[in-house]
Amino acid sequence: MAYRVQRMLRLGLVYPIGERRRAGRPVRRYRAPTRFFLPFAVLEEADLAEMFDVMTRPLQTGLLRGLAHAVSDTTWDVHDWGYTFELDDRGHISVIPLTRPGEPADRIIERILQADAPPVYLGYVPLRLDFTKAKELQRELIELVQRYQGEHGAGTYWVGVGLAPVT
């Protein structure tokens, strides 16, 4: 236990707040700071993944609830919106959002960008990029989000942007 406490002290995860006297050695008391830096290097990959999941789960839930509300509450005709489920010859199921069987993908984008369609979008797309192109995309995504962060419009919208290699 002493080793772990010393390690947490070095990492700034706890700080001493005093000692309580007793027979024998006094009991040292520690408290966690209200704000601290946790270097990624001290966490295992599985712990990092769990931390990211815990941090983003409420945001993702808000995004998905907002999407469901916008789609179900809109006056725009959403009868053609939905998912196509496709079973391939290896037995894997592909889920293709916002499509009608046989409708070209460019038509889907054209429809959701119509002025009277609700402003929603959800896309998880695997892209085949080399490192340089992935860095370019990273920069563009950050610039895009930063461009809209200063807005003070009447509505509030969830935006989730992520970029990571497929493992």
N, C-alpha and C. Protein backbone atom coordinates (compact mmCIF):
# COMPACT_ATOMS: atom_id res chain seq x y z
N MET A 1 0.83 -1.19 0.00
CA MET A 1 0.00 0.00 0.00
C MET A 1 0.88 1.26 0.00
N ALA A 2 1.94 1.25 0.77
CA ALA A 2 2.82 2.42 0.84
C ALA A 2 3.38 2.75 -0.54
N TYR A 3 3.74 1.71 -1.32
CA TYR A 3 4.26 1.94 -2.67
C TYR A 3 3.23 2.65 -3.53
N ARG A 4 2.00 2.16 -3.48
CA ARG A 4 0.93 2.76 -4.31
C ARG A 4 0.66 4.20 -3.89
N VAL A 5 0.64 4.46 -2.59
CA VAL A 5 0.42 5.83 -2.12
C VAL A 5 1.55 6.73 -2.58
N GLN A 6 2.79 6.25 -2.49
CA GLN A 6 3.94 7.05 -2.95
C GLN A 6 3.83 7.33 -4.44
N ARG A 7 3.42 6.34 -5.20
CA ARG A 7 3.27 6.53 -6.65
C ARG A 7 2.17 7.55 -6.95
N MET A 8 1.05 7.46 -6.23
CA MET A 8 -0.03 8.42 -6.43
C MET A 8 0.41 9.83 -6.04
N LEU A 9 1.24 9.94 -4.99
CA LEU A 9 1.80 11.25 -4.60
C LEU A 9 2.66 11.82 -5.71
N ARG A 10 3.55 10.99 -6.28
CA ARG A 10 4.42 11.44 -7.37
C ARG A 10 3.62 11.88 -8.59
N LEU A 11 2.53 11.19 -8.87
CA LEU A 11 1.70 11.51 -10.03
C LEU A 11 0.73 12.66 -9.76
N GLY A 12 0.67 13.13 -8.53
CA GLY A 12 -0.24 14.22 -8.19
C GLY A 12 -1.68 13.78 -8.05
N LEU A 13 -1.91 12.48 -7.83
CA LEU A 13 -3.27 11.97 -7.71
C LEU A 13 -3.81 12.11 -6.29
N VAL A 14 -2.93 12.27 -5.31
CA VAL A 14 -3.32 12.55 -3.92
C VAL A 14 -2.32 13.53 -3.33
N TYR A 15 -2.70 14.19 -2.24
CA TYR A 15 -1.79 15.05 -1.51
C TYR A 15 -2.08 14.90 -0.02
N PRO A 16 -1.02 15.07 0.82
CA PRO A 16 -1.22 14.89 2.26
C PRO A 16 -2.03 16.04 2.86
N ILE A 17 -2.92 15.69 3.81
CA ILE A 17 -3.70 16.74 4.48
C ILE A 17 -3.48 16.70 5.99
N GLY A 18 -2.65 15.79 6.47
CA GLY A 18 -2.36 15.77 7.90
C GLY A 18 -2.16 14.37 8.42
N GLU A 19 -2.02 14.30 9.72
CA GLU A 19 -1.83 13.02 10.39
C GLU A 19 -2.77 12.95 11.58
N ARG A 20 -3.20 11.75 11.86
CA ARG A 20 -4.01 11.51 13.06
C ARG A 20 -3.15 10.73 14.03
N ARG A 21 -2.97 11.26 15.22
CA ARG A 21 -2.13 10.61 16.22
C ARG A 21 -2.86 9.40 16.79
N ARG A 22 -2.06 8.41 17.11
CA ARG A 22 -2.57 7.20 17.75
C ARG A 22 -1.39 6.49 18.38
N ALA A 23 -1.65 5.45 19.09
CA ALA A 23 -0.56 4.66 19.67
C ALA A 23 0.22 4.03 18.52
N GLY A 24 1.53 4.09 18.57
CA GLY A 24 2.34 3.59 17.47
C GLY A 24 2.52 4.69 16.44
N ARG A 25 2.56 4.31 15.20
CA ARG A 25 2.73 5.30 14.12
C ARG A 25 1.46 6.11 13.91
N PRO A 26 1.62 7.39 13.57
CA PRO A 26 0.41 8.18 13.24
C PRO A 26 -0.14 7.73 11.88
N VAL A 27 -1.41 7.96 11.69
CA VAL A 27 -2.07 7.61 10.42
C VAL A 27 -2.03 8.86 9.54
N ARG A 28 -1.39 8.72 8.40
CA ARG A 28 -1.34 9.84 7.44
C ARG A 28 -2.64 9.88 6.67
N ARG A 29 -3.09 11.10 6.44
CA ARG A 29 -4.35 11.30 5.70
C ARG A 29 -4.03 12.00 4.38
N TYR A 30 -4.73 11.55 3.33
CA TYR A 30 -4.53 12.10 2.00
C TYR A 30 -5.87 12.47 1.40
N ARG A 31 -5.82 13.34 0.43
CA ARG A 31 -7.03 13.72 -0.29
C ARG A 31 -6.69 13.80 -1.78
N ALA A 32 -7.67 13.46 -2.60
CA ALA A 32 -7.49 13.61 -4.04
C ALA A 32 -7.78 15.06 -4.40
N PRO A 33 -7.00 15.63 -5.30
CA PRO A 33 -7.28 17.02 -5.71
C PRO A 33 -8.58 17.09 -6.51
N THR A 34 -9.16 18.26 -6.58
CA THR A 34 -10.38 18.43 -7.37
C THR A 34 -10.06 18.48 -8.86
N ARG A 35 -8.79 18.69 -9.17
CA ARG A 35 -8.34 18.70 -10.56
C ARG A 35 -6.93 18.11 -10.60
N PHE A 36 -6.70 17.19 -11.54
CA PHE A 36 -5.37 16.62 -11.67
C PHE A 36 -5.14 16.14 -13.09
N PHE A 37 -3.88 15.99 -13.43
CA PHE A 37 -3.47 15.53 -14.75
C PHE A 37 -3.16 14.04 -14.65
N LEU A 38 -3.73 13.24 -15.53
CA LEU A 38 -3.46 11.81 -15.58
C LEU A 38 -2.81 11.50 -16.91
N PRO A 39 -1.50 11.26 -16.93
CA PRO A 39 -0.83 10.96 -18.21
C PRO A 39 -1.33 9.64 -18.79
N PHE A 40 -1.58 9.63 -20.09
CA PHE A 40 -2.02 8.41 -20.74
C PHE A 40 -1.01 7.28 -20.55
N ALA A 41 0.27 7.64 -20.40
CA ALA A 41 1.33 6.64 -20.29
C ALA A 41 1.18 5.74 -19.06
N VAL A 42 0.45 6.17 -18.04
CA VAL A 42 0.32 5.34 -16.84
C VAL A 42 -0.85 4.37 -16.94
N LEU A 43 -1.61 4.44 -18.03
CA LEU A 43 -2.77 3.57 -18.19
C LEU A 43 -2.52 2.51 -19.26
N GLU A 44 -3.04 1.33 -19.02
CA GLU A 44 -3.02 0.27 -20.02
C GLU A 44 -4.01 0.64 -21.13
N GLU A 45 -3.84 0.05 -22.30
CA GLU A 45 -4.72 0.36 -23.43
C GLU A 45 -6.19 0.09 -23.10
N ALA A 46 -6.47 -1.01 -22.42
CA ALA A 46 -7.87 -1.33 -22.07
C ALA A 46 -8.44 -0.28 -21.12
N ASP A 47 -7.62 0.21 -20.18
CA ASP A 47 -8.08 1.25 -19.26
C ASP A 47 -8.35 2.56 -19.99
N LEU A 48 -7.48 2.89 -20.96
CA LEU A 48 -7.71 4.09 -21.78
C LEU A 48 -9.02 3.98 -22.55
N ALA A 49 -9.24 2.82 -23.16
CA ALA A 49 -10.47 2.61 -23.93
C ALA A 49 -11.69 2.76 -23.03
N GLU A 50 -11.61 2.20 -21.82
CA GLU A 50 -12.74 2.31 -20.89
C GLU A 50 -12.95 3.77 -20.46
N MET A 51 -11.85 4.49 -20.21
CA MET A 51 -11.94 5.89 -19.83
C MET A 51 -12.60 6.71 -20.94
N PHE A 52 -12.17 6.48 -22.20
CA PHE A 52 -12.78 7.19 -23.32
C PHE A 52 -14.26 6.86 -23.44
N ASP A 53 -14.60 5.58 -23.21
CA ASP A 53 -15.99 5.16 -23.28
C ASP A 53 -16.82 5.87 -22.21
N VAL A 54 -16.33 5.91 -20.98
CA VAL A 54 -17.06 6.55 -19.88
C VAL A 54 -17.22 8.05 -20.16
N MET A 55 -16.18 8.67 -20.70
CA MET A 55 -16.23 10.11 -20.97
C MET A 55 -17.19 10.46 -22.11
N THR A 56 -17.25 9.63 -23.13
CA THR A 56 -18.04 9.97 -24.31
C THR A 56 -19.45 9.39 -24.31
N ARG A 57 -19.72 8.41 -23.46
CA ARG A 57 -21.04 7.77 -23.47
C ARG A 57 -22.18 8.77 -23.27
N PRO A 58 -22.12 9.70 -22.28
CA PRO A 58 -23.23 10.66 -22.14
C PRO A 58 -23.37 11.58 -23.36
N LEU A 59 -22.26 11.93 -23.98
CA LEU A 59 -22.32 12.78 -25.16
C LEU A 59 -22.96 12.04 -26.32
N GLN A 60 -22.55 10.78 -26.50
CA GLN A 60 -23.11 9.97 -27.58
C GLN A 60 -24.60 9.73 -27.35
N THR A 61 -24.98 9.49 -26.09
CA THR A 61 -26.39 9.30 -25.78
C THR A 61 -27.19 10.54 -26.11
N GLY A 62 -26.65 11.71 -25.78
CA GLY A 62 -27.33 12.97 -26.12
C GLY A 62 -27.48 13.14 -27.62
N LEU A 63 -26.42 12.82 -28.36
CA LEU A 63 -26.46 12.91 -29.81
C LEU A 63 -27.53 11.97 -30.38
N LEU A 64 -27.55 10.73 -29.93
CA LEU A 64 -28.49 9.76 -30.47
C LEU A 64 -29.93 10.07 -30.09
N ARG A 65 -30.15 10.56 -28.87
CA ARG A 65 -31.51 10.95 -28.48
C ARG A 65 -31.98 12.15 -29.30
N GLY A 66 -31.07 13.10 -29.53
CA GLY A 66 -31.41 14.25 -30.35
C GLY A 66 -31.75 13.84 -31.78
N LEU A 67 -30.99 12.90 -32.31
CA LEU A 67 -31.24 12.39 -33.65
C LEU A 67 -32.60 11.71 -33.72
N ALA A 68 -32.90 10.85 -32.74
CA ALA A 68 -34.19 10.16 -32.72
C ALA A 68 -35.34 11.16 -32.60
N HIS A 69 -35.16 12.17 -31.77
CA HIS A 69 -36.21 13.19 -31.60
C HIS A 69 -36.42 13.97 -32.90
N ALA A 70 -35.33 14.39 -33.52
CA ALA A 70 -35.44 15.18 -34.75
C ALA A 70 -36.13 14.39 -35.85
N VAL A 71 -35.79 13.11 -35.96
CA VAL A 71 -36.39 12.28 -37.02
C VAL A 71 -37.85 11.99 -36.72
N SER A 72 -38.20 11.69 -35.46
CA SER A 72 -39.59 11.34 -35.16
C SER A 72 -40.49 12.57 -35.05
N ASP A 73 -39.92 13.74 -34.75
CA ASP A 73 -40.71 14.95 -34.52
C ASP A 73 -40.82 15.84 -35.75
N THR A 74 -40.15 15.51 -36.82
CA THR A 74 -40.12 16.39 -37.98
C THR A 74 -41.40 16.30 -38.80
N THR A 75 -41.70 17.39 -39.48
CA THR A 75 -42.83 17.39 -40.42
C THR A 75 -42.35 16.94 -41.80
N TRP A 76 -41.05 16.80 -41.94
CA TRP A 76 -40.47 16.35 -43.20
C TRP A 76 -40.79 14.87 -43.39
N ASP A 77 -41.02 14.45 -44.59
CA ASP A 77 -41.38 13.07 -44.87
C ASP A 77 -40.18 12.15 -44.65
N VAL A 78 -40.25 11.37 -43.58
CA VAL A 78 -39.14 10.47 -43.27
C VAL A 78 -39.48 9.01 -43.58
N HIS A 79 -40.54 8.81 -44.38
CA HIS A 79 -40.92 7.43 -44.72
C HIS A 79 -39.81 6.70 -45.48
N ASP A 80 -38.99 7.45 -46.19
CA ASP A 80 -37.92 6.81 -46.95
C ASP A 80 -36.63 6.70 -46.15
N TRP A 81 -36.65 7.21 -44.93
CA TRP A 81 -35.46 7.11 -44.08
C TRP A 81 -35.51 5.79 -43.34
N GLY A 82 -34.37 5.23 -43.06
CA GLY A 82 -34.32 3.99 -42.31
C GLY A 82 -32.98 3.31 -42.49
N TYR A 83 -32.97 2.03 -42.32
CA TYR A 83 -31.75 1.24 -42.46
C TYR A 83 -32.01 0.07 -43.40
N THR A 84 -31.04 -0.22 -44.22
CA THR A 84 -31.06 -1.43 -45.02
C THR A 84 -30.10 -2.40 -44.35
N PHE A 85 -30.58 -3.59 -44.05
CA PHE A 85 -29.77 -4.64 -43.46
C PHE A 85 -29.45 -5.64 -44.55
N GLU A 86 -28.17 -5.94 -44.71
CA GLU A 86 -27.75 -6.81 -45.82
C GLU A 86 -26.83 -7.89 -45.28
N LEU A 87 -27.15 -9.13 -45.60
CA LEU A 87 -26.34 -10.28 -45.20
C LEU A 87 -25.43 -10.65 -46.35
N ASP A 88 -24.11 -10.65 -46.10
CA ASP A 88 -23.20 -11.00 -47.19
C ASP A 88 -22.97 -12.51 -47.21
N ASP A 89 -22.18 -12.99 -48.18
CA ASP A 89 -21.98 -14.42 -48.36
C ASP A 89 -21.15 -15.04 -47.23
N ARG A 90 -20.49 -14.23 -46.40
CA ARG A 90 -19.75 -14.76 -45.24
C ARG A 90 -20.60 -14.78 -43.98
N GLY A 91 -21.84 -14.31 -44.07
CA GLY A 91 -22.73 -14.30 -42.92
C GLY A 91 -22.64 -13.04 -42.07
N HIS A 92 -21.95 -12.02 -42.56
CA HIS A 92 -21.86 -10.75 -41.84
C HIS A 92 -23.00 -9.83 -42.26
N ILE A 93 -23.52 -9.11 -41.29
CA ILE A 93 -24.61 -8.17 -41.58
C ILE A 93 -24.04 -6.77 -41.72
N SER A 94 -24.37 -6.12 -42.81
CA SER A 94 -24.04 -4.71 -43.01
C SER A 94 -25.29 -3.90 -42.75
N VAL A 95 -25.12 -2.80 -42.04
CA VAL A 95 -26.23 -1.89 -41.77
C VAL A 95 -25.93 -0.60 -42.51
N ILE A 96 -26.80 -0.26 -43.45
CA ILE A 96 -26.58 0.91 -44.29
C ILE A 96 -27.67 1.93 -43.95
N PRO A 97 -27.30 3.06 -43.33
CA PRO A 97 -28.32 4.01 -42.88
C PRO A 97 -28.91 4.85 -44.00
N LEU A 98 -30.14 5.28 -43.75
CA LEU A 98 -30.83 6.24 -44.61
C LEU A 98 -30.90 5.84 -46.07
N THR A 99 -31.11 4.57 -46.33
CA THR A 99 -31.18 4.14 -47.72
C THR A 99 -32.44 3.34 -47.98
N ARG A 100 -32.82 3.39 -49.21
CA ARG A 100 -33.87 2.54 -49.74
C ARG A 100 -33.17 1.54 -50.65
N PRO A 101 -33.60 0.31 -50.69
CA PRO A 101 -32.93 -0.63 -51.59
C PRO A 101 -32.87 -0.08 -53.01
N GLY A 102 -31.67 -0.08 -53.57
CA GLY A 102 -31.48 0.35 -54.95
C GLY A 102 -31.28 1.84 -55.14
N GLU A 103 -31.42 2.63 -54.07
CA GLU A 103 -31.24 4.08 -54.23
C GLU A 103 -29.76 4.42 -54.15
N PRO A 104 -29.25 5.22 -55.08
CA PRO A 104 -27.83 5.57 -55.04
C PRO A 104 -27.49 6.45 -53.85
N ALA A 105 -26.27 6.31 -53.31
CA ALA A 105 -25.84 7.04 -52.12
C ALA A 105 -25.89 8.55 -52.31
N ASP A 106 -25.58 9.04 -53.50
CA ASP A 106 -25.59 10.49 -53.71
C ASP A 106 -27.01 11.06 -53.58
N ARG A 107 -28.01 10.28 -53.85
CA ARG A 107 -29.40 10.72 -53.70
C ARG A 107 -29.75 10.88 -52.22
N ILE A 108 -29.19 10.04 -51.38
CA ILE A 108 -29.44 10.12 -49.94
C ILE A 108 -28.92 11.45 -49.41
N ILE A 109 -27.70 11.78 -49.74
CA ILE A 109 -27.10 13.04 -49.29
C ILE A 109 -27.91 14.22 -49.82
N GLU A 110 -28.30 14.14 -51.08
CA GLU A 110 -29.11 15.20 -51.69
C GLU A 110 -30.41 15.40 -50.91
N ARG A 111 -31.06 14.30 -50.51
CA ARG A 111 -32.33 14.39 -49.78
C ARG A 111 -32.16 14.96 -48.39
N ILE A 112 -31.14 14.53 -47.65
CA ILE A 112 -31.02 15.03 -46.28
C ILE A 112 -30.52 16.47 -46.24
N LEU A 113 -29.96 16.96 -47.34
CA LEU A 113 -29.51 18.35 -47.39
C LEU A 113 -30.60 19.31 -47.87
N GLN A 114 -31.78 18.79 -48.21
CA GLN A 114 -32.88 19.67 -48.62
C GLN A 114 -33.20 20.64 -47.48
N ALA A 115 -33.61 21.84 -47.83
CA ALA A 115 -33.85 22.91 -46.85
C ALA A 115 -34.88 22.52 -45.78
N ASP A 116 -35.89 21.72 -46.14
CA ASP A 116 -36.92 21.38 -45.17
C ASP A 116 -36.62 20.10 -44.38
N ALA A 117 -35.51 19.44 -44.67
CA ALA A 117 -35.12 18.24 -43.91
C ALA A 117 -34.49 18.68 -42.59
N PRO A 118 -34.67 17.89 -41.53
CA PRO A 118 -34.04 18.27 -40.25
C PRO A 118 -32.52 18.25 -40.38
N PRO A 119 -31.82 19.16 -39.67
CA PRO A 119 -30.35 19.19 -39.75
C PRO A 119 -29.75 18.09 -38.88
N VAL A 120 -29.70 16.89 -39.41
CA VAL A 120 -29.15 15.73 -38.68
C VAL A 120 -28.18 15.00 -39.59
N TYR A 121 -27.25 14.32 -38.95
CA TYR A 121 -26.31 13.47 -39.69
C TYR A 121 -25.65 12.53 -38.69
N LEU A 122 -25.51 11.30 -39.07
CA LEU A 122 -24.78 10.33 -38.27
C LEU A 122 -24.02 9.45 -39.23
N GLY A 123 -22.73 9.42 -39.10
CA GLY A 123 -21.95 8.62 -40.02
C GLY A 123 -20.69 8.07 -39.37
N TYR A 124 -20.54 6.79 -39.41
CA TYR A 124 -19.31 6.13 -39.02
C TYR A 124 -18.81 5.47 -40.30
N VAL A 125 -17.76 6.03 -40.86
CA VAL A 125 -17.31 5.60 -42.18
C VAL A 125 -15.84 5.19 -42.12
N PRO A 126 -15.53 3.95 -42.47
CA PRO A 126 -14.10 3.59 -42.55
C PRO A 126 -13.50 4.18 -43.83
N LEU A 127 -12.46 4.96 -43.68
CA LEU A 127 -11.80 5.57 -44.83
C LEU A 127 -10.42 4.94 -45.00
N ARG A 128 -10.03 4.68 -46.23
CA ARG A 128 -8.70 4.13 -46.52
C ARG A 128 -7.76 5.30 -46.81
N LEU A 129 -6.97 5.69 -45.81
CA LEU A 129 -6.10 6.85 -45.94
C LEU A 129 -4.68 6.48 -45.53
N ASP A 130 -3.70 7.14 -46.15
CA ASP A 130 -2.34 6.99 -45.63
C ASP A 130 -2.20 7.99 -44.48
N PHE A 131 -1.10 7.92 -43.74
CA PHE A 131 -0.89 8.75 -42.57
C PHE A 131 -1.02 10.24 -42.88
N THR A 132 -0.42 10.67 -43.99
CA THR A 132 -0.44 12.10 -44.36
C THR A 132 -1.87 12.57 -44.59
N LYS A 133 -2.67 11.78 -45.29
CA LYS A 133 -4.07 12.16 -45.54
C LYS A 133 -4.88 12.14 -44.25
N ALA A 134 -4.61 11.18 -43.37
CA ALA A 134 -5.32 11.13 -42.08
C ALA A 134 -5.01 12.38 -41.26
N LYS A 135 -3.76 12.84 -41.27
CA LYS A 135 -3.39 14.06 -40.55
C LYS A 135 -4.08 15.27 -41.18
N GLU A 136 -4.20 15.29 -42.49
CA GLU A 136 -4.90 16.38 -43.18
C GLU A 136 -6.37 16.40 -42.77
N LEU A 137 -6.99 15.23 -42.73
CA LEU A 137 -8.38 15.13 -42.30
C LEU A 137 -8.53 15.59 -40.84
N GLN A 138 -7.62 15.18 -39.99
CA GLN A 138 -7.64 15.59 -38.59
C GLN A 138 -7.65 17.12 -38.48
N ARG A 139 -6.75 17.76 -39.21
CA ARG A 139 -6.65 19.21 -39.19
C ARG A 139 -7.96 19.86 -39.68
N GLU A 140 -8.52 19.34 -40.75
CA GLU A 140 -9.76 19.88 -41.30
C GLU A 140 -10.93 19.72 -40.34
N LEU A 141 -11.02 18.57 -39.66
CA LEU A 141 -12.10 18.34 -38.71
C LEU A 141 -12.01 19.32 -37.54
N ILE A 142 -10.81 19.50 -37.03
CA ILE A 142 -10.60 20.43 -35.91
C ILE A 142 -10.96 21.85 -36.35
N GLU A 143 -10.51 22.26 -37.53
CA GLU A 143 -10.82 23.60 -38.03
C GLU A 143 -12.33 23.78 -38.22
N LEU A 144 -13.00 22.76 -38.70
CA LEU A 144 -14.45 22.84 -38.92
C LEU A 144 -15.19 23.04 -37.60
N VAL A 145 -14.86 22.24 -36.61
CA VAL A 145 -15.52 22.38 -35.32
C VAL A 145 -15.22 23.75 -34.71
N GLN A 146 -13.96 24.18 -34.77
CA GLN A 146 -13.59 25.48 -34.21
C GLN A 146 -14.32 26.63 -34.91
N ARG A 147 -14.57 26.48 -36.19
CA ARG A 147 -15.26 27.53 -36.95
C ARG A 147 -16.67 27.78 -36.40
N TYR A 148 -17.34 26.73 -35.93
CA TYR A 148 -18.71 26.87 -35.45
C TYR A 148 -18.82 27.04 -33.94
N GLN A 149 -17.76 26.86 -33.19
CA GLN A 149 -17.83 26.94 -31.73
C GLN A 149 -18.23 28.32 -31.21
N GLY A 150 -17.93 29.36 -31.91
CA GLY A 150 -18.25 30.71 -31.45
C GLY A 150 -19.66 31.17 -31.77
N GLU A 151 -20.45 30.36 -32.43
CA GLU A 151 -21.81 30.74 -32.83
C GLU A 151 -22.73 30.82 -31.61
N HIS A 152 -23.74 31.69 -31.71
CA HIS A 152 -24.72 31.85 -30.63
C HIS A 152 -26.13 31.81 -31.21
N GLY A 153 -26.43 30.74 -31.96
CA GLY A 153 -27.74 30.62 -32.59
C GLY A 153 -28.82 30.24 -31.59
N ALA A 154 -30.05 30.18 -32.08
CA ALA A 154 -31.21 29.89 -31.23
C ALA A 154 -31.26 28.42 -30.81
N GLY A 155 -30.67 27.53 -31.59
CA GLY A 155 -30.71 26.11 -31.26
C GLY A 155 -29.34 25.60 -30.83
N THR A 156 -29.35 24.50 -30.10
CA THR A 156 -28.11 23.84 -29.71
C THR A 156 -28.11 22.45 -30.34
N TYR A 157 -27.00 22.09 -30.95
CA TYR A 157 -26.90 20.82 -31.67
C TYR A 157 -25.69 20.05 -31.16
N TRP A 158 -25.87 18.75 -31.00
CA TRP A 158 -24.73 17.88 -30.67
C TRP A 158 -23.94 17.62 -31.93
N VAL A 159 -22.63 17.69 -31.84
CA VAL A 159 -21.76 17.31 -32.93
C VAL A 159 -20.69 16.38 -32.36
N GLY A 160 -20.60 15.22 -32.92
CA GLY A 160 -19.57 14.27 -32.48
C GLY A 160 -18.63 14.00 -33.64
N VAL A 161 -17.37 14.24 -33.42
CA VAL A 161 -16.37 14.02 -34.46
C VAL A 161 -15.29 13.14 -33.87
N GLY A 162 -14.91 12.11 -34.58
CA GLY A 162 -13.85 11.24 -34.12
C GLY A 162 -13.02 10.76 -35.29
N LEU A 163 -11.78 10.47 -35.01
CA LEU A 163 -10.88 9.92 -36.02
C LEU A 163 -9.91 8.99 -35.30
N ALA A 164 -9.87 7.75 -35.70
CA ALA A 164 -8.96 6.78 -35.09
C ALA A 164 -8.73 5.64 -36.07
N PRO A 165 -7.57 5.03 -36.00
CA PRO A 165 -7.33 3.90 -36.89
C PRO A 165 -8.21 2.71 -36.52
N VAL A 166 -8.63 1.97 -37.51
CA VAL A 166 -9.40 0.75 -37.27
C VAL A 166 -8.44 -0.32 -36.77
N THR A 167 -8.79 -0.94 -35.64
CA THR A 167 -7.91 -1.97 -35.09
C THR A 167 -8.47 -3.35 -35.29
